[in-house]
Amino acid sequence: MSTLAIVLVAVGAVVAILIAATFLRSAQVRRREDRRQIARQHRDEAESRRLRAEMEGAAAEERAARARREEAEAEARSRAAERERDTARAHAQHAARVDPDS
């Protein structure tokens, strides 16, 4: 083989290696960018779900607070009604004691 042929083969091999390295590098960059995009989508989905969960939690807390408030109001009304019944009973008993016709 002549020196020129050896040089041409060596240059061709170097060029082939550089081309292969460039393709591998661009493929690696594409894969990395694809993974970044997938990670971004997962982060967006996670944030969306976290916000929905917070909203649902807040709504549940509001419903629970409303239920406790309504229960307290019902208890207060029940006690007021019991006091009214006691007062009515006391008035009825007093009326029975003072009524000359009973």
N, C-alpha and C. Protein backbone atom coordinates (compact mmCIF):
# COMPACT_ATOMS: atom_id res chain seq x y z
N MET A 1 0.83 -1.17 0.00
CA MET A 1 0.00 0.00 0.00
C MET A 1 0.88 1.23 0.00
N SER A 2 0.38 2.19 -0.69
CA SER A 2 1.16 3.42 -0.76
C SER A 2 0.85 4.28 0.45
N THR A 3 1.70 5.21 0.69
CA THR A 3 1.53 6.11 1.82
C THR A 3 0.25 6.92 1.67
N LEU A 4 -0.05 7.31 0.45
CA LEU A 4 -1.28 8.07 0.20
C LEU A 4 -2.52 7.25 0.56
N ALA A 5 -2.51 5.99 0.22
CA ALA A 5 -3.65 5.13 0.52
C ALA A 5 -3.82 4.98 2.04
N ILE A 6 -2.71 4.81 2.74
CA ILE A 6 -2.77 4.68 4.19
C ILE A 6 -3.31 5.96 4.82
N VAL A 7 -2.83 7.11 4.34
CA VAL A 7 -3.31 8.39 4.86
C VAL A 7 -4.79 8.55 4.58
N LEU A 8 -5.22 8.20 3.35
CA LEU A 8 -6.64 8.32 2.99
C LEU A 8 -7.51 7.39 3.85
N VAL A 9 -7.04 6.18 4.09
CA VAL A 9 -7.80 5.25 4.94
C VAL A 9 -7.87 5.79 6.36
N ALA A 10 -6.77 6.32 6.88
CA ALA A 10 -6.76 6.87 8.23
C ALA A 10 -7.68 8.08 8.33
N VAL A 11 -7.62 8.96 7.33
CA VAL A 11 -8.49 10.14 7.33
C VAL A 11 -9.94 9.69 7.22
N GLY A 12 -10.21 8.71 6.37
CA GLY A 12 -11.58 8.19 6.23
C GLY A 12 -12.08 7.60 7.53
N ALA A 13 -11.21 6.88 8.26
CA ALA A 13 -11.59 6.28 9.54
C ALA A 13 -11.88 7.38 10.56
N VAL A 14 -11.05 8.41 10.60
CA VAL A 14 -11.26 9.52 11.53
C VAL A 14 -12.57 10.23 11.22
N VAL A 15 -12.83 10.46 9.91
CA VAL A 15 -14.07 11.12 9.50
C VAL A 15 -15.27 10.25 9.89
N ALA A 16 -15.17 8.94 9.67
CA ALA A 16 -16.27 8.03 10.01
C ALA A 16 -16.51 8.05 11.52
N ILE A 17 -15.42 8.06 12.30
CA ILE A 17 -15.56 8.10 13.76
C ILE A 17 -16.19 9.43 14.19
N LEU A 18 -15.79 10.55 13.58
CA LEU A 18 -16.37 11.85 13.92
C LEU A 18 -17.86 11.91 13.56
N ILE A 19 -18.21 11.36 12.40
CA ILE A 19 -19.62 11.34 11.99
C ILE A 19 -20.43 10.48 12.97
N ALA A 20 -19.92 9.30 13.32
CA ALA A 20 -20.62 8.42 14.26
C ALA A 20 -20.75 9.11 15.63
N ALA A 21 -19.69 9.78 16.07
CA ALA A 21 -19.74 10.47 17.36
C ALA A 21 -20.77 11.59 17.33
N THR A 22 -20.84 12.31 16.20
CA THR A 22 -21.83 13.39 16.07
C THR A 22 -23.25 12.83 16.14
N PHE A 23 -23.50 11.73 15.42
CA PHE A 23 -24.83 11.12 15.46
C PHE A 23 -25.17 10.62 16.86
N LEU A 24 -24.19 10.00 17.51
CA LEU A 24 -24.44 9.51 18.86
C LEU A 24 -24.71 10.66 19.82
N ARG A 25 -23.94 11.72 19.67
CA ARG A 25 -24.13 12.90 20.53
C ARG A 25 -25.50 13.52 20.31
N SER A 26 -25.92 13.67 19.04
CA SER A 26 -27.24 14.27 18.78
C SER A 26 -28.36 13.36 19.28
N ALA A 27 -28.17 12.05 19.17
CA ALA A 27 -29.18 11.13 19.70
C ALA A 27 -29.26 11.25 21.22
N GLN A 28 -28.11 11.38 21.85
CA GLN A 28 -28.07 11.53 23.30
C GLN A 28 -28.75 12.84 23.72
N VAL A 29 -28.52 13.91 23.00
CA VAL A 29 -29.15 15.21 23.28
C VAL A 29 -30.66 15.09 23.11
N ARG A 30 -31.11 14.41 22.05
CA ARG A 30 -32.55 14.22 21.82
C ARG A 30 -33.18 13.42 22.97
N ARG A 31 -32.50 12.34 23.35
CA ARG A 31 -33.04 11.54 24.46
C ARG A 31 -33.12 12.35 25.75
N ARG A 32 -32.08 13.13 26.01
CA ARG A 32 -32.07 13.96 27.21
C ARG A 32 -33.21 14.97 27.18
N GLU A 33 -33.43 15.60 26.03
CA GLU A 33 -34.51 16.58 25.90
C GLU A 33 -35.87 15.90 26.04
N ASP A 34 -36.01 14.70 25.47
CA ASP A 34 -37.26 13.96 25.63
C ASP A 34 -37.52 13.65 27.11
N ARG A 35 -36.48 13.26 27.82
CA ARG A 35 -36.64 12.97 29.25
C ARG A 35 -36.99 14.22 30.03
N ARG A 36 -36.39 15.36 29.66
CA ARG A 36 -36.74 16.62 30.32
C ARG A 36 -38.21 16.95 30.10
N GLN A 37 -38.67 16.74 28.86
CA GLN A 37 -40.07 17.04 28.55
C GLN A 37 -41.00 16.12 29.34
N ILE A 38 -40.65 14.85 29.42
CA ILE A 38 -41.47 13.91 30.20
C ILE A 38 -41.47 14.31 31.68
N ALA A 39 -40.31 14.67 32.20
CA ALA A 39 -40.22 15.11 33.60
C ALA A 39 -41.06 16.36 33.82
N ARG A 40 -41.02 17.29 32.87
CA ARG A 40 -41.81 18.52 32.98
C ARG A 40 -43.30 18.19 33.00
N GLN A 41 -43.72 17.25 32.15
CA GLN A 41 -45.13 16.85 32.14
C GLN A 41 -45.53 16.22 33.47
N HIS A 42 -44.66 15.39 34.02
CA HIS A 42 -44.95 14.76 35.31
C HIS A 42 -45.03 15.80 36.42
N ARG A 43 -44.13 16.78 36.38
CA ARG A 43 -44.18 17.84 37.39
C ARG A 43 -45.46 18.64 37.27
N ASP A 44 -45.85 18.96 36.03
CA ASP A 44 -47.10 19.70 35.83
C ASP A 44 -48.29 18.91 36.34
N GLU A 45 -48.31 17.61 36.04
CA GLU A 45 -49.41 16.76 36.51
C GLU A 45 -49.41 16.68 38.03
N ALA A 46 -48.23 16.55 38.62
CA ALA A 46 -48.14 16.49 40.08
C ALA A 46 -48.65 17.78 40.71
N GLU A 47 -48.27 18.91 40.13
CA GLU A 47 -48.72 20.21 40.66
C GLU A 47 -50.23 20.35 40.52
N SER A 48 -50.75 19.93 39.39
CA SER A 48 -52.20 20.00 39.17
C SER A 48 -52.94 19.13 40.19
N ARG A 49 -52.46 17.93 40.40
CA ARG A 49 -53.11 17.03 41.37
C ARG A 49 -52.97 17.56 42.80
N ARG A 50 -51.80 18.15 43.12
CA ARG A 50 -51.62 18.71 44.45
C ARG A 50 -52.61 19.84 44.70
N LEU A 51 -52.79 20.71 43.69
CA LEU A 51 -53.74 21.82 43.84
C LEU A 51 -55.16 21.30 44.00
N ARG A 52 -55.52 20.28 43.20
CA ARG A 52 -56.86 19.69 43.32
C ARG A 52 -57.06 19.09 44.70
N ALA A 53 -56.03 18.42 45.20
CA ALA A 53 -56.12 17.80 46.53
C ALA A 53 -56.27 18.87 47.60
N GLU A 54 -55.54 19.97 47.47
CA GLU A 54 -55.68 21.06 48.45
C GLU A 54 -57.08 21.65 48.40
N MET A 55 -57.61 21.83 47.19
CA MET A 55 -58.97 22.38 47.07
C MET A 55 -59.99 21.44 47.68
N GLU A 56 -59.85 20.14 47.42
CA GLU A 56 -60.77 19.16 47.99
C GLU A 56 -60.65 19.13 49.51
N GLY A 57 -59.42 19.21 50.00
CA GLY A 57 -59.21 19.23 51.45
C GLY A 57 -59.86 20.45 52.09
N ALA A 58 -59.68 21.60 51.44
CA ALA A 58 -60.29 22.83 51.97
C ALA A 58 -61.81 22.73 51.95
N ALA A 59 -62.35 22.17 50.86
CA ALA A 59 -63.81 22.01 50.78
C ALA A 59 -64.30 21.06 51.87
N ALA A 60 -63.56 19.99 52.11
CA ALA A 60 -63.96 19.04 53.15
C ALA A 60 -63.90 19.70 54.54
N GLU A 61 -62.87 20.50 54.76
CA GLU A 61 -62.77 21.21 56.04
C GLU A 61 -63.93 22.18 56.21
N GLU A 62 -64.30 22.87 55.14
CA GLU A 62 -65.44 23.79 55.22
C GLU A 62 -66.73 23.05 55.53
N ARG A 63 -66.92 21.89 54.85
CA ARG A 63 -68.13 21.10 55.12
C ARG A 63 -68.15 20.61 56.56
N ALA A 64 -67.00 20.17 57.06
CA ALA A 64 -66.93 19.69 58.45
C ALA A 64 -67.21 20.83 59.42
N ALA A 65 -66.67 22.01 59.14
CA ALA A 65 -66.92 23.17 60.01
C ALA A 65 -68.39 23.54 59.98
N ARG A 66 -68.98 23.51 58.79
CA ARG A 66 -70.41 23.82 58.66
C ARG A 66 -71.23 22.80 59.44
N ALA A 67 -70.86 21.53 59.36
CA ALA A 67 -71.58 20.49 60.08
C ALA A 67 -71.46 20.69 61.60
N ARG A 68 -70.25 21.04 62.06
CA ARG A 68 -70.07 21.29 63.50
C ARG A 68 -70.89 22.49 63.94
N ARG A 69 -70.91 23.55 63.11
CA ARG A 69 -71.68 24.75 63.44
C ARG A 69 -73.17 24.40 63.50
N GLU A 70 -73.65 23.65 62.51
CA GLU A 70 -75.06 23.27 62.49
C GLU A 70 -75.40 22.37 63.68
N GLU A 71 -74.47 21.49 64.04
CA GLU A 71 -74.71 20.63 65.20
C GLU A 71 -74.79 21.47 66.48
N ALA A 72 -73.92 22.45 66.60
CA ALA A 72 -73.94 23.32 67.78
C ALA A 72 -75.25 24.13 67.81
N GLU A 73 -75.67 24.62 66.65
CA GLU A 73 -76.94 25.37 66.59
C GLU A 73 -78.11 24.46 66.95
N ALA A 74 -78.09 23.23 66.46
CA ALA A 74 -79.17 22.29 66.78
C ALA A 74 -79.19 21.99 68.28
N GLU A 75 -78.00 21.82 68.85
CA GLU A 75 -77.92 21.57 70.29
C GLU A 75 -78.46 22.77 71.07
N ALA A 76 -78.11 23.98 70.65
CA ALA A 76 -78.60 25.18 71.33
C ALA A 76 -80.12 25.28 71.20
N ARG A 77 -80.64 24.99 70.02
CA ARG A 77 -82.10 25.02 69.84
C ARG A 77 -82.79 23.96 70.69
N SER A 78 -82.17 22.79 70.76
CA SER A 78 -82.74 21.71 71.57
C SER A 78 -82.79 22.12 73.04
N ARG A 79 -81.72 22.74 73.52
CA ARG A 79 -81.70 23.20 74.92
C ARG A 79 -82.73 24.30 75.13
N ALA A 80 -82.85 25.21 74.17
CA ALA A 80 -83.85 26.28 74.28
C ALA A 80 -85.25 25.69 74.29
N ALA A 81 -85.49 24.70 73.45
CA ALA A 81 -86.81 24.06 73.41
C ALA A 81 -87.09 23.35 74.73
N GLU A 82 -86.08 22.69 75.29
CA GLU A 82 -86.26 22.01 76.57
C GLU A 82 -86.57 23.03 77.68
N ARG A 83 -85.89 24.17 77.66
CA ARG A 83 -86.18 25.22 78.65
C ARG A 83 -87.61 25.73 78.48
N GLU A 84 -88.04 25.90 77.24
CA GLU A 84 -89.41 26.35 76.99
C GLU A 84 -90.42 25.32 77.49
N ARG A 85 -90.12 24.01 77.25
CA ARG A 85 -91.02 22.97 77.76
C ARG A 85 -91.08 23.00 79.29
N ASP A 86 -89.90 23.15 79.91
CA ASP A 86 -89.87 23.21 81.38
C ASP A 86 -90.67 24.42 81.88
N THR A 87 -90.50 25.56 81.21
CA THR A 87 -91.23 26.77 81.60
C THR A 87 -92.73 26.56 81.40
N ALA A 88 -93.10 25.95 80.28
CA ALA A 88 -94.53 25.69 80.02
C ALA A 88 -95.09 24.74 81.07
N ARG A 89 -94.34 23.69 81.43
CA ARG A 89 -94.78 22.76 82.46
C ARG A 89 -94.95 23.47 83.80
N ALA A 90 -93.98 24.32 84.11
CA ALA A 90 -94.05 25.06 85.38
C ALA A 90 -95.27 25.97 85.40
N HIS A 91 -95.54 26.65 84.28
CA HIS A 91 -96.72 27.51 84.20
C HIS A 91 -98.01 26.69 84.31
N ALA A 92 -98.01 25.53 83.66
CA ALA A 92 -99.20 24.68 83.73
C ALA A 92 -99.42 24.20 85.16
N GLN A 93 -98.37 23.81 85.83
CA GLN A 93 -98.50 23.35 87.23
C GLN A 93 -98.94 24.49 88.13
N HIS A 94 -98.37 25.67 87.91
CA HIS A 94 -98.77 26.82 88.72
C HIS A 94 -100.24 27.17 88.47
N ALA A 95 -100.63 27.11 87.18
CA ALA A 95 -102.02 27.40 86.85
C ALA A 95 -102.94 26.40 87.51
N ALA A 96 -102.53 25.13 87.54
CA ALA A 96 -103.34 24.10 88.17
C ALA A 96 -103.46 24.33 89.67
N ARG A 97 -102.38 24.83 90.29
CA ARG A 97 -102.42 25.07 91.73
C ARG A 97 -103.29 26.27 92.09
N VAL A 98 -103.25 27.29 91.25
CA VAL A 98 -104.00 28.50 91.60
C VAL A 98 -105.41 28.53 91.05
N ASP A 99 -105.72 27.63 90.14
CA ASP A 99 -107.06 27.60 89.54
C ASP A 99 -108.05 27.04 90.54
N PRO A 100 -109.06 27.81 90.91
CA PRO A 100 -110.04 27.33 91.90
C PRO A 100 -110.93 26.23 91.31
N ASP A 101 -110.99 26.13 89.99
CA ASP A 101 -111.87 25.13 89.38
C ASP A 101 -111.19 23.77 89.19
N SER A 102 -109.89 23.69 89.43
CA SER A 102 -109.26 22.39 89.19
C SER A 102 -109.28 21.51 90.40
